[in-house]
Amino acid sequence: MDRGSEESRKGRRIALLIAGVGVFWILITAIGSEYGWSQRTRALFDLAALAGFGAALWMTYQLWRARQTDKD
């Protein structure tokens, strides 16, 4: 497999993760507000979303480092 297409595939996966976590976070916030969930329950889902965004950031960093290594 071509190295560029492998990196492109990883980039698309990261983009989908970011979009998915964002949609999840918005939906769960709306649902929690609609059903009157406690702040503690909402905070749990906020932390889960934060973990998802953190994982996406870590994956982006790894992809960036791989591209920097290939550059030389």
PDB file of N, CA and C in Angstrom:
ATOM      1  N   MET A   1       0.840  -1.179   0.000  1.00  0.00           N
ATOM      2  CA  MET A   1       0.000   0.000   0.000  1.00  0.00           C
ATOM      3  C   MET A   1       0.884   1.241   0.000  1.00  0.00           C
ATOM      4  N   ASP A   2       0.478   2.258  -0.720  1.00  0.00           N
ATOM      5  CA  ASP A   2       1.215   3.506  -0.815  1.00  0.00           C
ATOM      6  C   ASP A   2       1.205   4.217   0.534  1.00  0.00           C
ATOM      7  N   ARG A   3       2.336   4.790   0.894  1.00  0.00           N
ATOM      8  CA  ARG A   3       2.459   5.474   2.188  1.00  0.00           C
ATOM      9  C   ARG A   3       1.505   6.665   2.288  1.00  0.00           C
ATOM     10  N   GLY A   4       1.358   7.402   1.171  1.00  0.00           N
ATOM     11  CA  GLY A   4       0.463   8.553   1.165  1.00  0.00           C
ATOM     12  C   GLY A   4      -0.986   8.169   1.390  1.00  0.00           C
ATOM     13  N   SER A   5      -1.408   7.075   0.788  1.00  0.00           N
ATOM     14  CA  SER A   5      -2.797   6.659   0.975  1.00  0.00           C
ATOM     15  C   SER A   5      -3.026   6.143   2.395  1.00  0.00           C
ATOM     16  N   GLU A   6      -2.013   5.555   2.989  1.00  0.00           N
ATOM     17  CA  GLU A   6      -2.113   5.110   4.387  1.00  0.00           C
ATOM     18  C   GLU A   6      -2.287   6.321   5.314  1.00  0.00           C
ATOM     19  N   GLU A   7      -1.505   7.377   5.061  1.00  0.00           N
ATOM     20  CA  GLU A   7      -1.616   8.586   5.870  1.00  0.00           C
ATOM     21  C   GLU A   7      -2.968   9.264   5.641  1.00  0.00           C
ATOM     22  N   SER A   8      -3.439   9.247   4.405  1.00  0.00           N
ATOM     23  CA  SER A   8      -4.741   9.832   4.096  1.00  0.00           C
ATOM     24  C   SER A   8      -5.853   9.085   4.831  1.00  0.00           C
ATOM     25  N   ARG A   9      -5.748   7.767   4.865  1.00  0.00           N
ATOM     26  CA  ARG A   9      -6.742   6.951   5.550  1.00  0.00           C
ATOM     27  C   ARG A   9      -6.753   7.262   7.048  1.00  0.00           C
ATOM     28  N   LYS A  10      -5.570   7.412   7.632  1.00  0.00           N
ATOM     29  CA  LYS A  10      -5.487   7.760   9.053  1.00  0.00           C
ATOM     30  C   LYS A  10      -6.055   9.154   9.316  1.00  0.00           C
ATOM     31  N   GLY A  11      -5.790  10.075   8.409  1.00  0.00           N
ATOM     32  CA  GLY A  11      -6.335  11.426   8.551  1.00  0.00           C
ATOM     33  C   GLY A  11      -7.847  11.439   8.487  1.00  0.00           C
ATOM     34  N   ARG A  12      -8.412  10.659   7.572  1.00  0.00           N
ATOM     35  CA  ARG A  12      -9.871  10.569   7.479  1.00  0.00           C
ATOM     36  C   ARG A  12     -10.458   9.941   8.744  1.00  0.00           C
ATOM     37  N   ARG A  13      -9.780   8.942   9.277  1.00  0.00           N
ATOM     38  CA  ARG A  13     -10.250   8.302  10.508  1.00  0.00           C
ATOM     39  C   ARG A  13     -10.261   9.305  11.673  1.00  0.00           C
ATOM     40  N   ILE A  14      -9.229  10.139  11.739  1.00  0.00           N
ATOM     41  CA  ILE A  14      -9.165  11.155  12.790  1.00  0.00           C
ATOM     42  C   ILE A  14     -10.291  12.168  12.613  1.00  0.00           C
ATOM     43  N   ALA A  15     -10.517  12.593  11.371  1.00  0.00           N
ATOM     44  CA  ALA A  15     -11.591  13.554  11.102  1.00  0.00           C
ATOM     45  C   ALA A  15     -12.951  12.984  11.487  1.00  0.00           C
ATOM     46  N   LEU A  16     -13.175  11.719  11.170  1.00  0.00           N
ATOM     47  CA  LEU A  16     -14.441  11.081  11.537  1.00  0.00           C
ATOM     48  C   LEU A  16     -14.584  10.957  13.053  1.00  0.00           C
ATOM     49  N   LEU A  17     -13.490  10.689  13.738  1.00  0.00           N
ATOM     50  CA  LEU A  17     -13.530  10.603  15.198  1.00  0.00           C
ATOM     51  C   LEU A  17     -13.910  11.952  15.797  1.00  0.00           C
ATOM     52  N   ILE A  18     -13.281  13.021  15.314  1.00  0.00           N
ATOM     53  CA  ILE A  18     -13.581  14.360  15.827  1.00  0.00           C
ATOM     54  C   ILE A  18     -15.042  14.711  15.568  1.00  0.00           C
ATOM     55  N   ALA A  19     -15.503  14.470  14.347  1.00  0.00           N
ATOM     56  CA  ALA A  19     -16.901  14.771  14.005  1.00  0.00           C
ATOM     57  C   ALA A  19     -17.856  13.927  14.839  1.00  0.00           C
ATOM     58  N   GLY A  20     -17.553  12.650  14.999  1.00  0.00           N
ATOM     59  CA  GLY A  20     -18.417  11.761  15.772  1.00  0.00           C
ATOM     60  C   GLY A  20     -18.501  12.162  17.232  1.00  0.00           C
ATOM     61  N   VAL A  21     -17.366  12.498  17.824  1.00  0.00           N
ATOM     62  CA  VAL A  21     -17.367  12.914  19.231  1.00  0.00           C
ATOM     63  C   VAL A  21     -18.135  14.228  19.377  1.00  0.00           C
ATOM     64  N   GLY A  22     -17.961  15.147  18.426  1.00  0.00           N
ATOM     65  CA  GLY A  22     -18.685  16.410  18.483  1.00  0.00           C
ATOM     66  C   GLY A  22     -20.186  16.218  18.412  1.00  0.00           C
ATOM     67  N   VAL A  23     -20.641  15.388  17.499  1.00  0.00           N
ATOM     68  CA  VAL A  23     -22.077  15.110  17.374  1.00  0.00           C
ATOM     69  C   VAL A  23     -22.594  14.410  18.629  1.00  0.00           C
ATOM     70  N   PHE A  24     -21.841  13.443  19.129  1.00  0.00           N
ATOM     71  CA  PHE A  24     -22.216  12.742  20.364  1.00  0.00           C
ATOM     72  C   PHE A  24     -22.377  13.732  21.508  1.00  0.00           C
ATOM     73  N   TRP A  25     -21.422  14.649  21.639  1.00  0.00           N
ATOM     74  CA  TRP A  25     -21.424  15.602  22.738  1.00  0.00           C
ATOM     75  C   TRP A  25     -22.638  16.530  22.653  1.00  0.00           C
ATOM     76  N   ILE A  26     -22.921  17.023  21.444  1.00  0.00           N
ATOM     77  CA  ILE A  26     -24.071  17.910  21.261  1.00  0.00           C
ATOM     78  C   ILE A  26     -25.376  17.165  21.572  1.00  0.00           C
ATOM     79  N   LEU A  27     -25.508  15.953  21.045  1.00  0.00           N
ATOM     80  CA  LEU A  27     -26.732  15.183  21.281  1.00  0.00           C
ATOM     81  C   LEU A  27     -26.923  14.848  22.756  1.00  0.00           C
ATOM     82  N   ILE A  28     -25.879  14.417  23.397  1.00  0.00           N
ATOM     83  CA  ILE A  28     -26.010  14.006  24.797  1.00  0.00           C
ATOM     84  C   ILE A  28     -26.293  15.215  25.683  1.00  0.00           C
ATOM     85  N   THR A  29     -25.754  16.376  25.316  1.00  0.00           N
ATOM     86  CA  THR A  29     -26.049  17.599  26.064  1.00  0.00           C
ATOM     87  C   THR A  29     -27.521  17.968  25.906  1.00  0.00           C
ATOM     88  N   ALA A  30     -28.034  17.872  24.692  1.00  0.00           N
ATOM     89  CA  ALA A  30     -29.443  18.189  24.437  1.00  0.00           C
ATOM     90  C   ALA A  30     -30.362  17.187  25.143  1.00  0.00           C
ATOM     91  N   ILE A  31     -30.014  15.923  25.074  1.00  0.00           N
ATOM     92  CA  ILE A  31     -30.829  14.899  25.729  1.00  0.00           C
ATOM     93  C   ILE A  31     -30.810  15.096  27.243  1.00  0.00           C
ATOM     94  N   GLY A  32     -29.644  15.372  27.797  1.00  0.00           N
ATOM     95  CA  GLY A  32     -29.540  15.592  29.236  1.00  0.00           C
ATOM     96  C   GLY A  32     -30.332  16.788  29.703  1.00  0.00           C
ATOM     97  N   SER A  33     -30.336  17.827  28.905  1.00  0.00           N
ATOM     98  CA  SER A  33     -31.116  19.008  29.251  1.00  0.00           C
ATOM     99  C   SER A  33     -32.617  18.731  29.144  1.00  0.00           C
ATOM    100  N   GLU A  34     -33.009  17.980  28.126  1.00  0.00           N
ATOM    101  CA  GLU A  34     -34.425  17.650  27.914  1.00  0.00           C
ATOM    102  C   GLU A  34     -34.983  16.794  29.056  1.00  0.00           C
ATOM    103  N   TYR A  35     -34.211  15.821  29.493  1.00  0.00           N
ATOM    104  CA  TYR A  35     -34.684  14.904  30.528  1.00  0.00           C
ATOM    105  C   TYR A  35     -34.285  15.321  31.950  1.00  0.00           C
ATOM    106  N   GLY A  36     -33.627  16.454  32.065  1.00  0.00           N
ATOM    107  CA  GLY A  36     -33.291  16.974  33.387  1.00  0.00           C
ATOM    108  C   GLY A  36     -32.254  16.171  34.139  1.00  0.00           C
ATOM    109  N   TRP A  37     -31.260  15.649  33.431  1.00  0.00           N
ATOM    110  CA  TRP A  37     -30.188  14.897  34.097  1.00  0.00           C
ATOM    111  C   TRP A  37     -29.441  15.815  35.044  1.00  0.00           C
ATOM    112  N   SER A  38     -28.881  15.242  36.073  1.00  0.00           N
ATOM    113  CA  SER A  38     -28.111  16.027  37.038  1.00  0.00           C
ATOM    114  C   SER A  38     -26.822  16.539  36.395  1.00  0.00           C
ATOM    115  N   GLN A  39     -26.268  17.561  37.010  1.00  0.00           N
ATOM    116  CA  GLN A  39     -25.008  18.125  36.508  1.00  0.00           C
ATOM    117  C   GLN A  39     -23.881  17.094  36.582  1.00  0.00           C
ATOM    118  N   ARG A  40     -23.987  16.232  37.547  1.00  0.00           N
ATOM    119  CA  ARG A  40     -22.962  15.196  37.710  1.00  0.00           C
ATOM    120  C   ARG A  40     -22.973  14.216  36.536  1.00  0.00           C
ATOM    121  N   THR A  41     -24.172  13.829  36.083  1.00  0.00           N
ATOM    122  CA  THR A  41     -24.306  12.924  34.944  1.00  0.00           C
ATOM    123  C   THR A  41     -23.839  13.609  33.664  1.00  0.00           C
ATOM    124  N   ARG A  42     -24.217  14.873  33.501  1.00  0.00           N
ATOM    125  CA  ARG A  42     -23.774  15.615  32.320  1.00  0.00           C
ATOM    126  C   ARG A  42     -22.256  15.767  32.301  1.00  0.00           C
ATOM    127  N   ALA A  43     -21.675  15.990  33.469  1.00  0.00           N
ATOM    128  CA  ALA A  43     -20.225  16.133  33.558  1.00  0.00           C
ATOM    129  C   ALA A  43     -19.519  14.837  33.162  1.00  0.00           C
ATOM    130  N   LEU A  44     -20.128  13.715  33.487  1.00  0.00           N
ATOM    131  CA  LEU A  44     -19.559  12.429  33.093  1.00  0.00           C
ATOM    132  C   LEU A  44     -19.461  12.335  31.571  1.00  0.00           C
ATOM    133  N   PHE A  45     -20.526  12.739  30.879  1.00  0.00           N
ATOM    134  CA  PHE A  45     -20.500  12.704  29.424  1.00  0.00           C
ATOM    135  C   PHE A  45     -19.563  13.770  28.853  1.00  0.00           C
ATOM    136  N   ASP A  46     -19.446  14.900  29.530  1.00  0.00           N
ATOM    137  CA  ASP A  46     -18.476  15.907  29.102  1.00  0.00           C
ATOM    138  C   ASP A  46     -17.057  15.355  29.185  1.00  0.00           C
ATOM    139  N   LEU A  47     -16.778  14.618  30.250  1.00  0.00           N
ATOM    140  CA  LEU A  47     -15.449  14.015  30.391  1.00  0.00           C
ATOM    141  C   LEU A  47     -15.199  12.950  29.325  1.00  0.00           C
ATOM    142  N   ALA A  48     -16.245  12.197  28.980  1.00  0.00           N
ATOM    143  CA  ALA A  48     -16.104  11.198  27.915  1.00  0.00           C
ATOM    144  C   ALA A  48     -15.802  11.881  26.585  1.00  0.00           C
ATOM    145  N   ALA A  49     -16.478  12.996  26.311  1.00  0.00           N
ATOM    146  CA  ALA A  49     -16.215  13.743  25.086  1.00  0.00           C
ATOM    147  C   ALA A  49     -14.806  14.320  25.107  1.00  0.00           C
ATOM    148  N   LEU A  50     -14.385  14.818  26.248  1.00  0.00           N
ATOM    149  CA  LEU A  50     -13.036  15.355  26.377  1.00  0.00           C
ATOM    150  C   LEU A  50     -11.990  14.272  26.114  1.00  0.00           C
ATOM    151  N   ALA A  51     -12.250  13.076  26.600  1.00  0.00           N
ATOM    152  CA  ALA A  51     -11.345  11.952  26.351  1.00  0.00           C
ATOM    153  C   ALA A  51     -11.300  11.625  24.857  1.00  0.00           C
ATOM    154  N   GLY A  52     -12.446  11.672  24.193  1.00  0.00           N
ATOM    155  CA  GLY A  52     -12.479  11.425  22.754  1.00  0.00           C
ATOM    156  C   GLY A  52     -11.698  12.467  21.976  1.00  0.00           C
ATOM    157  N   PHE A  53     -11.873  13.744  22.339  1.00  0.00           N
ATOM    158  CA  PHE A  53     -11.113  14.806  21.677  1.00  0.00           C
ATOM    159  C   PHE A  53      -9.620  14.686  21.991  1.00  0.00           C
ATOM    160  N   GLY A  54      -9.294  14.268  23.206  1.00  0.00           N
ATOM    161  CA  GLY A  54      -7.889  14.059  23.561  1.00  0.00           C
ATOM    162  C   GLY A  54      -7.264  12.929  22.756  1.00  0.00           C
ATOM    163  N   ALA A  55      -8.018  11.857  22.551  1.00  0.00           N
ATOM    164  CA  ALA A  55      -7.534  10.741  21.737  1.00  0.00           C
ATOM    165  C   ALA A  55      -7.310  11.195  20.298  1.00  0.00           C
ATOM    166  N   ALA A  56      -8.217  12.014  19.782  1.00  0.00           N
ATOM    167  CA  ALA A  56      -8.068  12.527  18.414  1.00  0.00           C
ATOM    168  C   ALA A  56      -6.841  13.429  18.315  1.00  0.00           C
ATOM    169  N   LEU A  57      -6.609  14.236  19.333  1.00  0.00           N
ATOM    170  CA  LEU A  57      -5.425  15.094  19.346  1.00  0.00           C
ATOM    171  C   LEU A  57      -4.153  14.259  19.361  1.00  0.00           C
ATOM    172  N   TRP A  58      -4.149  13.205  20.156  1.00  0.00           N
ATOM    173  CA  TRP A  58      -2.990  12.316  20.232  1.00  0.00           C
ATOM    174  C   TRP A  58      -2.744  11.626  18.882  1.00  0.00           C
ATOM    175  N   MET A  59      -3.811  11.180  18.241  1.00  0.00           N
ATOM    176  CA  MET A  59      -3.681  10.528  16.938  1.00  0.00           C
ATOM    177  C   MET A  59      -3.157  11.515  15.888  1.00  0.00           C
ATOM    178  N   THR A  60      -3.609  12.763  15.976  1.00  0.00           N
ATOM    179  CA  THR A  60      -3.136  13.798  15.054  1.00  0.00           C
ATOM    180  C   THR A  60      -1.654  14.049  15.260  1.00  0.00           C
ATOM    181  N   TYR A  61      -1.223  14.105  16.501  1.00  0.00           N
ATOM    182  CA  TYR A  61       0.196  14.292  16.800  1.00  0.00           C
ATOM    183  C   TYR A  61       1.029  13.135  16.249  1.00  0.00           C
ATOM    184  N   GLN A  62       0.551  11.918  16.431  1.00  0.00           N
ATOM    185  CA  GLN A  62       1.278  10.760  15.916  1.00  0.00           C
ATOM    186  C   GLN A  62       1.376  10.805  14.396  1.00  0.00           C
ATOM    187  N   LEU A  63       0.302  11.198  13.733  1.00  0.00           N
ATOM    188  CA  LEU A  63       0.311  11.306  12.275  1.00  0.00           C
ATOM    189  C   LEU A  63       1.282  12.395  11.837  1.00  0.00           C
ATOM    190  N   TRP A  64       1.276  13.516  12.515  1.00  0.00           N
ATOM    191  CA  TRP A  64       2.193  14.603  12.196  1.00  0.00           C
ATOM    192  C   TRP A  64       3.649  14.162  12.360  1.00  0.00           C
ATOM    193  N   ARG A  65       3.935  13.438  13.449  1.00  0.00           N
ATOM    194  CA  ARG A  65       5.312  12.953  13.676  1.00  0.00           C
ATOM    195  C   ARG A  65       5.727  11.960  12.591  1.00  0.00           C
ATOM    196  N   ALA A  66       4.801  11.112  12.173  1.00  0.00           N
ATOM    197  CA  ALA A  66       5.117  10.141  11.112  1.00  0.00           C
ATOM    198  C   ALA A  66       5.433  10.864   9.804  1.00  0.00           C
ATOM    199  N   ARG A  67       4.698  11.926   9.513  1.00  0.00           N
ATOM    200  CA  ARG A  67       4.967  12.700   8.292  1.00  0.00           C
ATOM    201  C   ARG A  67       6.286  13.428   8.397  1.00  0.00           C
ATOM    202  N   GLN A  68       6.630  13.922   9.591  1.00  0.00           N
ATOM    203  CA  GLN A  68       7.906  14.606   9.769  1.00  0.00           C
ATOM    204  C   GLN A  68       9.070  13.635   9.586  1.00  0.00           C
ATOM    205  N   THR A  69       8.903  12.426  10.059  1.00  0.00           N
ATOM    206  CA  THR A  69       9.956  11.410   9.921  1.00  0.00           C
ATOM    207  C   THR A  69      10.141  11.028   8.454  1.00  0.00           C
ATOM    208  N   ASP A  70       9.023  10.922   7.720  1.00  0.00           N
ATOM    209  CA  ASP A  70       9.102  10.565   6.308  1.00  0.00           C
ATOM    210  C   ASP A  70       9.685  11.678   5.463  1.00  0.00           C
ATOM    211  N   LYS A  71       9.600  12.901   5.948  1.00  0.00           N
ATOM    212  CA  LYS A  71      10.076  14.049   5.191  1.00  0.00           C
ATOM    213  C   LYS A  71      11.593  14.000   4.985  1.00  0.00           C
ATOM    214  N   ASP A  72      12.316  13.516   5.984  1.00  0.00           N
ATOM    215  CA  ASP A  72      13.789  13.504   5.936  1.00  0.00           C
ATOM    216  C   ASP A  72      14.352  12.383   5.153  1.00  0.00           C
TER     217      ASP A  72
END
